[in-house]
N, C-alpha and C. Protein backbone atom coordinates (compact mmCIF):
# COMPACT_ATOMS: atom_id res chain seq x y z
N UNK A 1 64.76 29.89 -8.16
CA UNK A 1 64.02 30.39 -9.68
C UNK A 1 62.73 30.24 -8.62
N UNK A 2 62.57 29.70 -8.69
CA UNK A 2 60.68 29.44 -7.45
C UNK A 2 60.66 30.93 -6.34
N UNK A 3 61.03 31.16 -5.74
CA UNK A 3 61.38 31.97 -4.52
C UNK A 3 60.82 33.36 -5.57
N UNK A 4 61.85 33.45 -6.63
CA UNK A 4 61.44 35.06 -7.69
C UNK A 4 59.77 34.48 -8.59
N UNK A 5 59.41 33.24 -8.80
CA UNK A 5 58.84 33.33 -9.43
C UNK A 5 57.82 34.31 -8.70
N UNK A 6 57.82 33.51 -6.93
CA UNK A 6 56.55 33.58 -5.53
C UNK A 6 56.45 35.04 -5.61
N UNK A 7 57.66 35.71 -5.57
CA UNK A 7 57.79 37.52 -5.39
C UNK A 7 57.35 37.85 -5.99
N UNK A 8 57.58 37.13 -7.17
CA UNK A 8 56.69 38.40 -8.76
C UNK A 8 55.42 37.92 -8.58
N UNK A 9 54.69 36.90 -8.16
CA UNK A 9 53.60 36.85 -8.91
C UNK A 9 52.64 37.67 -7.31
N UNK A 10 53.54 37.51 -6.44
CA UNK A 10 52.49 38.27 -4.82
C UNK A 10 52.90 39.77 -5.22
N UNK A 11 54.20 39.72 -5.10
CA UNK A 11 54.14 41.46 -6.22
C UNK A 11 52.41 41.64 -7.01
N UNK A 12 53.12 41.65 -8.14
CA UNK A 12 51.41 41.25 -8.97
C UNK A 12 50.17 41.72 -8.55
N UNK A 13 49.88 40.47 -7.76
CA UNK A 13 48.58 39.88 -8.02
C UNK A 13 48.00 41.02 -6.92
N UNK A 14 48.37 41.35 -5.20
CA UNK A 14 48.82 43.15 -5.11
C UNK A 14 48.73 44.43 -5.25
N UNK A 15 49.94 44.93 -6.51
CA UNK A 15 49.53 46.08 -6.66
C UNK A 15 48.34 46.17 -7.91
N UNK A 16 47.91 44.86 -8.08
CA UNK A 16 46.79 44.72 -8.63
C UNK A 16 45.42 44.95 -8.14
N UNK A 17 45.29 44.75 -7.04
CA UNK A 17 44.38 44.24 -6.20
C UNK A 17 44.18 46.10 -5.07
N UNK A 18 45.61 46.92 -4.94
CA UNK A 18 45.92 48.10 -5.09
C UNK A 18 44.69 48.81 -5.94
N UNK A 19 45.50 48.96 -7.27
CA UNK A 19 44.74 49.35 -8.37
C UNK A 19 43.57 49.73 -8.65
N UNK A 20 42.90 48.72 -8.42
CA UNK A 20 41.37 47.99 -8.62
C UNK A 20 40.73 49.10 -6.67
N UNK A 21 41.23 48.40 -6.33
CA UNK A 21 40.93 49.58 -4.48
C UNK A 21 40.77 50.65 -5.39
N UNK A 22 41.42 51.21 -5.76
CA UNK A 22 41.84 52.57 -6.06
C UNK A 22 40.29 53.37 -7.58
N UNK A 23 40.27 52.44 -7.61
CA UNK A 23 39.36 52.33 -9.55
C UNK A 23 37.79 52.88 -8.81
N UNK A 24 37.91 52.05 -7.35
CA UNK A 24 36.78 51.99 -6.80
C UNK A 24 36.45 53.23 -5.99
N UNK A 25 37.31 53.28 -5.29
CA UNK A 25 37.49 54.51 -4.70
C UNK A 25 36.58 55.38 -5.25
N UNK A 26 36.42 55.59 -6.64
CA UNK A 26 36.00 56.57 -7.27
C UNK A 26 34.81 56.40 -7.56
N UNK A 27 34.12 55.55 -7.60
CA UNK A 27 32.44 55.37 -7.29
C UNK A 27 31.85 55.63 -5.62
N UNK A 28 32.79 56.41 -4.96
CA UNK A 28 31.79 56.73 -3.70
C UNK A 28 32.58 58.20 -3.64
N UNK A 29 31.74 58.73 -2.66
CA UNK A 29 32.49 60.37 -2.68
C UNK A 29 33.45 60.46 -1.35
N UNK A 30 32.28 59.52 -0.56
CA UNK A 30 33.36 59.73 0.76
C UNK A 30 35.05 58.23 0.64
N UNK A 31 34.91 57.62 -0.39
CA UNK A 31 35.63 56.58 -0.40
C UNK A 31 37.41 57.48 -1.39
N UNK A 32 36.72 59.00 -1.68
CA UNK A 32 38.30 59.36 -2.07
C UNK A 32 38.75 58.99 -0.77
N UNK A 33 39.74 59.67 0.18
CA UNK A 33 40.53 58.83 1.25
C UNK A 33 40.74 57.61 1.73
N UNK A 34 39.56 57.07 1.61
CA UNK A 34 39.71 55.58 2.17
C UNK A 34 40.35 54.73 1.39
N UNK A 35 39.68 54.56 -0.10
CA UNK A 35 40.74 54.32 -1.14
C UNK A 35 41.95 54.00 -1.03
N UNK A 36 42.88 54.96 -1.12
CA UNK A 36 44.07 54.81 -0.87
C UNK A 36 44.22 54.74 0.66
N UNK A 37 43.72 54.49 0.97
CA UNK A 37 44.28 54.13 2.41
C UNK A 37 44.15 52.61 2.75
N UNK A 38 43.70 52.31 1.90
CA UNK A 38 43.06 50.56 1.68
C UNK A 38 44.51 49.78 0.91
N UNK A 39 44.31 51.02 -0.05
CA UNK A 39 45.31 50.60 -0.86
C UNK A 39 47.12 50.43 -0.07
N UNK A 40 47.59 50.68 0.82
CA UNK A 40 48.43 51.27 1.30
C UNK A 40 48.34 49.88 1.91
N UNK A 41 47.13 49.68 2.56
CA UNK A 41 47.12 48.31 3.79
C UNK A 41 47.25 47.03 2.86
N UNK A 42 46.94 46.80 1.57
CA UNK A 42 47.22 46.21 0.82
C UNK A 42 48.49 45.21 0.57
N UNK A 43 49.00 46.67 0.16
CA UNK A 43 50.65 46.52 0.15
C UNK A 43 51.15 45.82 1.08
N UNK A 44 51.23 46.04 2.02
CA UNK A 44 52.08 46.08 4.03
C UNK A 44 52.12 44.52 3.87
N UNK A 45 51.81 43.38 2.69
CA UNK A 45 51.92 42.25 2.76
C UNK A 45 54.06 41.58 1.62
N UNK A 46 53.67 42.53 0.79
CA UNK A 46 55.18 43.14 0.36
C UNK A 46 55.98 43.64 1.09
N UNK A 47 55.71 44.52 1.69
CA UNK A 47 57.20 45.05 2.82
C UNK A 47 57.19 43.67 3.88
N UNK A 48 56.74 43.27 4.22
CA UNK A 48 56.77 42.47 5.46
C UNK A 48 57.42 41.39 4.76
N UNK A 49 57.73 40.75 3.77
CA UNK A 49 57.50 39.31 3.28
C UNK A 49 59.24 39.22 2.65
N UNK A 50 59.40 41.41 1.50
CA UNK A 50 60.49 41.28 0.95
C UNK A 50 61.57 42.17 1.23
N UNK A 51 60.60 43.04 2.10
CA UNK A 51 61.63 44.82 2.15
C UNK A 51 61.49 45.74 1.68
N UNK A 52 61.60 47.42 2.22
CA UNK A 52 61.69 48.28 1.88
C UNK A 52 61.59 48.18 0.05
N UNK A 53 62.44 47.46 -0.17
CA UNK A 53 63.68 48.29 -1.57
C UNK A 53 61.63 47.46 -2.64
N UNK A 54 61.21 46.29 -2.16
CA UNK A 54 60.41 45.59 -3.07
C UNK A 54 58.79 46.54 -3.02
N UNK A 55 58.95 46.98 -1.46
CA UNK A 55 57.63 47.35 -1.14
C UNK A 55 58.51 49.54 -2.12
N UNK A 56 58.66 49.46 -1.86
CA UNK A 56 59.12 50.74 -2.97
C UNK A 56 58.75 50.59 -4.35
N UNK A 57 58.94 49.51 -5.26
CA UNK A 57 58.76 49.65 -6.64
C UNK A 57 57.47 48.95 -6.64
N UNK A 58 56.90 48.11 -5.74
CA UNK A 58 54.86 48.33 -5.24
C UNK A 58 54.25 49.02 -5.45
N UNK A 59 54.70 50.19 -4.82
CA UNK A 59 54.31 51.68 -4.04
C UNK A 59 54.82 52.46 -5.59
N UNK A 60 55.53 52.43 -6.92
CA UNK A 60 56.00 53.11 -7.54
C UNK A 60 55.45 52.67 -8.80
N UNK A 61 54.80 51.15 -8.81
CA UNK A 61 54.12 51.13 -9.87
C UNK A 61 52.60 50.94 -9.98
N UNK A 62 51.97 51.55 -7.98
CA UNK A 62 50.36 51.39 -8.48
C UNK A 62 50.25 52.33 -8.16
N UNK A 63 51.15 53.86 -7.98
CA UNK A 63 51.35 55.07 -8.29
C UNK A 63 51.17 55.68 -9.48
N UNK A 64 51.78 54.88 -10.31
CA UNK A 64 51.60 55.39 -11.91
C UNK A 64 50.92 55.08 -12.29
N UNK A 65 49.97 53.92 -12.41
CA UNK A 65 48.27 52.90 -12.41
C UNK A 65 47.67 54.10 -12.29
N UNK A 66 47.25 54.03 -10.66
CA UNK A 66 46.79 55.26 -10.58
C UNK A 66 46.41 56.15 -11.32
N UNK A 67 47.85 57.66 -11.36
CA UNK A 67 47.93 58.47 -12.34
C UNK A 67 46.52 58.02 -14.03
N UNK A 68 47.77 56.94 -13.77
CA UNK A 68 46.90 56.90 -15.22
C UNK A 68 45.72 56.63 -15.68
N UNK A 69 45.38 55.82 -14.67
CA UNK A 69 43.52 54.33 -15.02
C UNK A 69 42.54 55.38 -14.30
N UNK A 70 43.09 56.28 -12.16
CA UNK A 70 42.26 55.88 -11.81
C UNK A 70 41.42 57.35 -12.32
N UNK A 71 40.06 57.33 -12.35
CA UNK A 71 39.15 59.07 -12.71
C UNK A 71 39.56 60.21 -11.43
N UNK A 72 39.34 59.61 -10.71
CA UNK A 72 39.25 60.66 -9.33
C UNK A 72 40.48 61.02 -8.81
N UNK A 73 40.84 62.04 -9.92
CA UNK A 73 42.71 62.83 -10.05
C UNK A 73 43.00 62.30 -8.12
N UNK A 74 41.55 63.45 -7.40
CA UNK A 74 42.49 63.45 -5.79
C UNK A 74 42.51 62.05 -4.67
N UNK A 75 42.43 61.01 -5.65
CA UNK A 75 42.49 59.50 -5.25
C UNK A 75 43.32 59.27 -5.47
N UNK A 76 43.65 59.36 -6.94
CA UNK A 76 45.28 59.22 -7.53
C UNK A 76 46.14 60.22 -6.80
N UNK A 77 45.77 61.69 -5.63
CA UNK A 77 47.06 61.73 -5.71
C UNK A 77 47.31 61.60 -4.05
N UNK A 78 45.77 61.25 -3.75
CA UNK A 78 45.59 61.26 -2.27
C UNK A 78 46.91 60.19 -2.02
N UNK A 79 46.93 58.60 -3.41
CA UNK A 79 47.98 57.70 -2.24
C UNK A 79 49.46 58.27 -3.34
N UNK A 80 49.64 59.00 -4.28
CA UNK A 80 50.74 59.19 -4.62
C UNK A 80 51.39 60.10 -2.96
N UNK A 81 51.15 61.03 -2.54
CA UNK A 81 51.93 61.35 -1.73
C UNK A 81 51.48 60.53 0.23
N UNK A 82 50.79 60.10 0.13
CA UNK A 82 50.97 58.65 1.17
C UNK A 82 51.33 57.38 1.10
N UNK A 83 51.95 57.62 0.10
CA UNK A 83 51.11 55.71 -0.30
C UNK A 83 52.52 55.39 0.25
N UNK A 84 53.50 56.28 0.03
CA UNK A 84 55.39 55.52 0.54
C UNK A 84 54.91 54.89 2.02
N UNK A 85 53.83 55.77 2.93
CA UNK A 85 54.48 56.19 3.99
C UNK A 85 54.78 54.69 4.70
N UNK A 86 54.00 53.96 4.98
CA UNK A 86 53.71 52.29 5.99
C UNK A 86 56.26 52.04 5.70
N UNK A 87 55.71 52.25 4.12
CA UNK A 87 57.23 51.94 3.87
C UNK A 87 58.44 53.28 4.78
N UNK A 88 58.05 53.95 4.61
CA UNK A 88 58.56 54.77 6.10
C UNK A 88 58.13 54.54 8.11
N UNK A 89 56.96 53.61 7.82
CA UNK A 89 56.77 53.44 9.19
C UNK A 89 57.88 53.12 10.44
N UNK A 90 58.59 51.77 9.41
CA UNK A 90 58.91 50.50 10.55
C UNK A 90 60.33 51.51 11.55
N UNK A 91 60.29 52.86 10.37
CA UNK A 91 61.78 53.61 10.65
C UNK A 91 61.26 54.53 11.45
N UNK A 92 60.35 54.96 12.38
CA UNK A 92 59.76 55.78 13.10
C UNK A 92 59.26 55.49 13.77
N UNK A 93 59.28 53.97 13.87
CA UNK A 93 58.69 52.87 14.87
C UNK A 93 59.60 52.48 15.44
N UNK A 94 60.91 52.93 15.33
CA UNK A 94 62.04 52.19 16.08
C UNK A 94 63.05 53.44 16.40
N UNK A 95 61.94 54.70 16.53
CA UNK A 95 62.86 56.00 17.41
C UNK A 95 62.60 55.23 18.68
N UNK A 96 64.02 56.20 19.39
CA UNK A 96 63.37 55.35 21.17
C UNK A 96 62.21 56.13 22.35
N UNK A 97 61.57 57.31 21.58
CA UNK A 97 61.59 58.49 22.08
C UNK A 97 59.66 58.61 21.83
N UNK A 98 59.05 58.14 22.84
CA UNK A 98 57.63 58.96 22.59
C UNK A 98 57.52 59.69 21.54
N UNK A 99 57.51 60.90 21.89
CA UNK A 99 57.13 62.20 21.24
C UNK A 99 58.30 61.94 20.15
N UNK A 100 58.78 61.60 20.26
CA UNK A 100 59.50 62.31 18.57
C UNK A 100 58.86 61.38 17.56
N UNK A 101 59.00 60.11 17.78
CA UNK A 101 58.14 58.86 17.09
C UNK A 101 56.67 59.89 16.52
N UNK A 102 56.28 60.88 17.32
CA UNK A 102 54.87 61.68 17.79
C UNK A 102 55.21 62.63 16.45
N UNK A 103 55.88 63.02 16.80
CA UNK A 103 56.32 65.02 15.93
C UNK A 103 56.40 64.06 14.64
N UNK A 104 57.90 62.72 14.43
CA UNK A 104 58.54 62.10 13.40
C UNK A 104 57.10 62.58 11.88
N UNK A 105 56.16 61.55 12.74
CA UNK A 105 54.37 61.26 11.89
C UNK A 105 54.17 62.45 11.75
N UNK A 106 53.32 63.61 12.49
CA UNK A 106 53.08 64.44 12.52
C UNK A 106 53.84 65.92 11.49
N UNK A 107 54.97 65.88 11.53
CA UNK A 107 55.35 66.51 10.48
C UNK A 107 55.64 65.47 8.75
N UNK A 108 55.68 64.29 8.49
CA UNK A 108 55.42 63.62 7.70
C UNK A 108 53.74 64.53 7.13
N UNK A 109 53.19 64.14 8.40
CA UNK A 109 52.04 63.88 7.41
C UNK A 109 51.05 65.83 6.71
N UNK A 110 51.68 66.47 7.36
CA UNK A 110 51.66 67.56 7.79
C UNK A 110 52.33 68.40 6.31
N UNK A 111 53.62 67.41 6.02
CA UNK A 111 54.45 68.19 4.77
C UNK A 111 53.30 67.10 3.36
N UNK A 112 53.22 65.83 4.26
CA UNK A 112 52.61 65.80 2.95
C UNK A 112 51.09 65.90 2.80
N UNK A 113 50.18 66.04 3.61
CA UNK A 113 49.62 67.14 2.83
C UNK A 113 49.80 68.52 2.23
N UNK A 114 49.98 69.58 2.70
CA UNK A 114 51.17 71.21 2.52
C UNK A 114 51.73 70.48 1.43
N UNK A 115 52.51 69.21 0.66
CA UNK A 115 52.55 69.58 -0.66
C UNK A 115 51.69 68.82 -1.93
N UNK A 116 50.13 67.36 -1.10
CA UNK A 116 49.74 67.23 -2.27
C UNK A 116 48.12 68.73 -2.12
N UNK A 117 47.80 68.93 -1.33
CA UNK A 117 46.81 70.66 -1.69
C UNK A 117 48.08 71.77 -2.09
N UNK A 118 48.92 71.35 -2.39
CA UNK A 118 49.95 72.94 -3.08
C UNK A 118 49.50 72.34 -4.56
N UNK A 119 49.62 70.70 -4.73
CA UNK A 119 50.27 70.57 -5.91
C UNK A 119 48.93 70.86 -6.62
N UNK A 120 47.13 69.77 -5.66
CA UNK A 120 46.14 70.38 -5.83
C UNK A 120 45.45 71.50 -6.29
N UNK A 121 45.69 72.57 -5.31
CA UNK A 121 44.88 73.79 -5.69
C UNK A 121 45.66 74.65 -6.83
N UNK A 122 47.51 74.53 -6.81
CA UNK A 122 48.42 75.48 -7.67
C UNK A 122 48.29 74.93 -9.48
N UNK A 123 48.88 73.36 -9.45
CA UNK A 123 48.01 73.20 -10.29
C UNK A 123 47.52 72.55 -11.66
N UNK A 124 46.22 72.82 -10.23
CA UNK A 124 45.46 71.80 -10.71
C UNK A 124 44.06 72.97 -11.60
N UNK A 125 44.24 74.15 -10.75
CA UNK A 125 43.94 75.18 -10.96
C UNK A 125 42.82 75.26 -10.11
N UNK A 126 42.59 75.29 -9.03
CA UNK A 126 41.34 74.77 -8.25
C UNK A 126 41.66 75.68 -7.54
N UNK A 127 41.45 77.14 -7.79
CA UNK A 127 41.50 78.29 -5.75
C UNK A 127 39.91 78.53 -6.05
N UNK A 128 39.35 77.80 -6.14
CA UNK A 128 37.86 77.80 -5.83
C UNK A 128 37.56 77.36 -4.27
N UNK A 129 38.29 75.97 -4.20
CA UNK A 129 37.93 75.72 -3.01
C UNK A 129 38.21 76.42 -1.71
N UNK A 130 39.42 76.86 -2.47
CA UNK A 130 40.23 77.67 -0.87
C UNK A 130 39.64 78.55 -0.89
N UNK A 131 38.47 79.38 -1.57
CA UNK A 131 37.80 80.46 -1.61
C UNK A 131 36.68 80.49 -0.76
N UNK A 132 36.02 78.64 -0.84
CA UNK A 132 34.78 77.71 -0.13
C UNK A 132 35.05 78.01 1.09
N UNK A 133 36.03 77.97 1.35
CA UNK A 133 36.58 77.63 2.95
C UNK A 133 36.80 79.07 3.92
N UNK A 134 37.15 79.21 3.36
CA UNK A 134 36.37 81.19 3.98
C UNK A 134 37.64 81.60 5.01
N UNK A 135 38.65 81.35 4.74
CA UNK A 135 39.81 81.68 5.89
C UNK A 135 40.24 80.51 6.18
N UNK A 136 41.08 81.12 7.16
CA UNK A 136 42.18 80.47 7.54
C UNK A 136 41.71 79.63 8.44
N UNK A 137 40.42 79.67 10.28
CA UNK A 137 40.25 78.53 10.78
C UNK A 137 39.82 77.12 9.98
N UNK A 138 39.40 77.21 9.83
CA UNK A 138 38.15 76.37 8.38
C UNK A 138 39.38 75.65 8.33
N UNK A 139 40.00 76.45 7.76
CA UNK A 139 41.40 75.08 6.71
C UNK A 139 42.24 74.73 7.81
N UNK A 140 42.86 75.64 9.30
CA UNK A 140 43.20 74.30 10.13
C UNK A 140 42.60 73.28 10.66
N UNK A 141 41.22 73.47 10.78
CA UNK A 141 40.40 72.63 11.43
C UNK A 141 40.30 71.18 10.60
N UNK A 142 40.69 71.35 9.57
CA UNK A 142 40.48 70.09 9.01
C UNK A 142 42.29 70.05 8.88
N UNK A 143 43.14 70.51 8.79
CA UNK A 143 44.55 70.13 9.14
C UNK A 143 44.22 68.98 9.76
N UNK A 144 43.45 69.58 11.06
CA UNK A 144 43.84 68.91 11.99
C UNK A 144 43.03 68.02 12.32
N UNK A 145 41.79 68.31 11.97
CA UNK A 145 41.23 66.23 12.20
C UNK A 145 41.74 65.59 10.96
N UNK A 146 42.67 66.03 9.59
CA UNK A 146 43.13 65.38 8.70
C UNK A 146 44.76 64.84 9.83
N UNK A 147 45.60 65.16 10.18
CA UNK A 147 46.62 64.66 11.46
C UNK A 147 45.70 63.94 12.12
N UNK A 148 44.95 63.80 12.84
CA UNK A 148 43.88 63.38 13.50
C UNK A 148 43.94 61.21 12.98
N UNK A 149 42.95 61.93 11.41
CA UNK A 149 43.25 60.46 10.77
C UNK A 149 43.72 59.59 10.12
N UNK A 150 44.50 60.15 9.86
CA UNK A 150 47.47 60.40 9.97
C UNK A 150 47.28 59.00 11.36
N UNK A 151 47.22 59.69 12.39
CA UNK A 151 47.41 59.12 13.37
C UNK A 151 46.64 57.25 13.28
N UNK A 152 45.60 58.01 13.51
CA UNK A 152 44.98 56.78 13.24
C UNK A 152 44.76 55.80 12.43
N UNK A 153 45.42 55.87 10.75
CA UNK A 153 45.88 55.00 10.30
C UNK A 153 47.11 54.75 10.68
N UNK A 154 48.08 55.36 11.33
CA UNK A 154 49.57 54.60 11.90
C UNK A 154 49.19 53.43 12.58
N UNK A 155 48.18 53.46 13.67
CA UNK A 155 48.05 53.10 14.13
C UNK A 155 46.98 51.49 13.64
N UNK A 156 46.11 52.17 12.65
CA UNK A 156 45.48 50.16 11.95
C UNK A 156 47.44 50.24 11.22
N UNK A 157 48.03 50.83 10.40
CA UNK A 157 48.91 49.65 9.76
C UNK A 157 49.69 48.80 10.74
N UNK A 158 49.89 49.26 12.33
CA UNK A 158 50.17 48.78 13.19
C UNK A 158 50.23 47.50 13.03
N UNK A 159 48.79 47.22 13.36
CA UNK A 159 47.27 46.49 13.86
C UNK A 159 47.90 45.53 12.61
N UNK A 160 47.69 45.57 11.49
CA UNK A 160 47.71 45.01 10.38
C UNK A 160 48.82 44.57 10.23
N UNK A 161 50.07 45.01 11.05
CA UNK A 161 51.34 44.65 10.31
C UNK A 161 51.06 42.89 11.14
N UNK A 162 51.34 43.23 12.02
CA UNK A 162 50.09 42.17 13.61
C UNK A 162 49.62 41.00 13.14
N UNK A 163 48.69 41.41 12.62
CA UNK A 163 48.02 40.41 12.13
C UNK A 163 48.47 39.59 11.25
N UNK A 164 49.28 40.61 10.09
CA UNK A 164 49.39 39.82 9.08
C UNK A 164 51.44 38.90 9.22
N UNK A 165 51.62 39.28 10.12
CA UNK A 165 52.85 38.46 11.00
C UNK A 165 52.05 37.57 12.03
N UNK A 166 51.26 37.21 12.46
CA UNK A 166 50.79 36.77 13.40
C UNK A 166 50.39 35.45 13.61
N UNK A 167 48.69 35.59 12.01
CA UNK A 167 48.24 34.80 11.58
C UNK A 167 47.91 34.69 9.80
N UNK A 168 47.72 36.01 9.28
CA UNK A 168 47.50 35.81 8.04
C UNK A 168 49.18 35.20 6.94
N UNK A 169 50.30 35.02 7.63
CA UNK A 169 50.64 34.85 7.04
C UNK A 169 51.26 33.97 6.14
N UNK A 170 50.91 32.83 7.32
CA UNK A 170 51.35 30.86 7.85
C UNK A 170 49.62 30.47 7.06
N UNK A 171 49.32 31.05 6.43
CA UNK A 171 48.32 30.43 5.20
C UNK A 171 48.18 31.00 4.30
N UNK A 172 49.53 32.03 3.58
CA UNK A 172 49.06 31.94 2.27
C UNK A 172 51.11 31.90 1.60
N UNK A 173 51.48 31.74 3.18
CA UNK A 173 53.03 31.10 3.41
C UNK A 173 53.24 29.74 4.27
N UNK A 174 53.43 28.88 2.65
CA UNK A 174 53.98 27.01 3.50
C UNK A 174 55.19 26.53 4.02
N UNK A 175 55.48 26.16 4.64
CA UNK A 175 56.95 26.28 4.47
C UNK A 175 57.80 24.91 4.38
């Protein structure tokens, strides 16, 4: 019973913290992309301690709350489309070949970006954004930069996971 209470408390507190990070992302224009990345990092202990099922439930709860509460829709949508990646990341990291891992990561990034901006542009009626970009080369450059940031995110998530395992875990879980 005590372990179940600890699990619920940790998940609740970290989900609340992730939603607060997303809410604060609306205050600064640069935080549109930083806040969802930080919200992903906040939920790493849930994944490490309780597995992908519980982490998926936590991601779902934060995604629903983000869509309902976060005033900046782009911040909420970036989290919805990319926030599940830390759950998939250990499976990609377990692949034996470095080029295969890289292709998988870029594939996930490209598909998520395509769906995110497809939904943003088509469903929300933001066709003016595509007209401002003026064509293919600028869109391609933004996509390449987005993939580079995604690879940096993957690296950061890996290092934060190691930090949790080696140093931070023992501060929060004393057995």
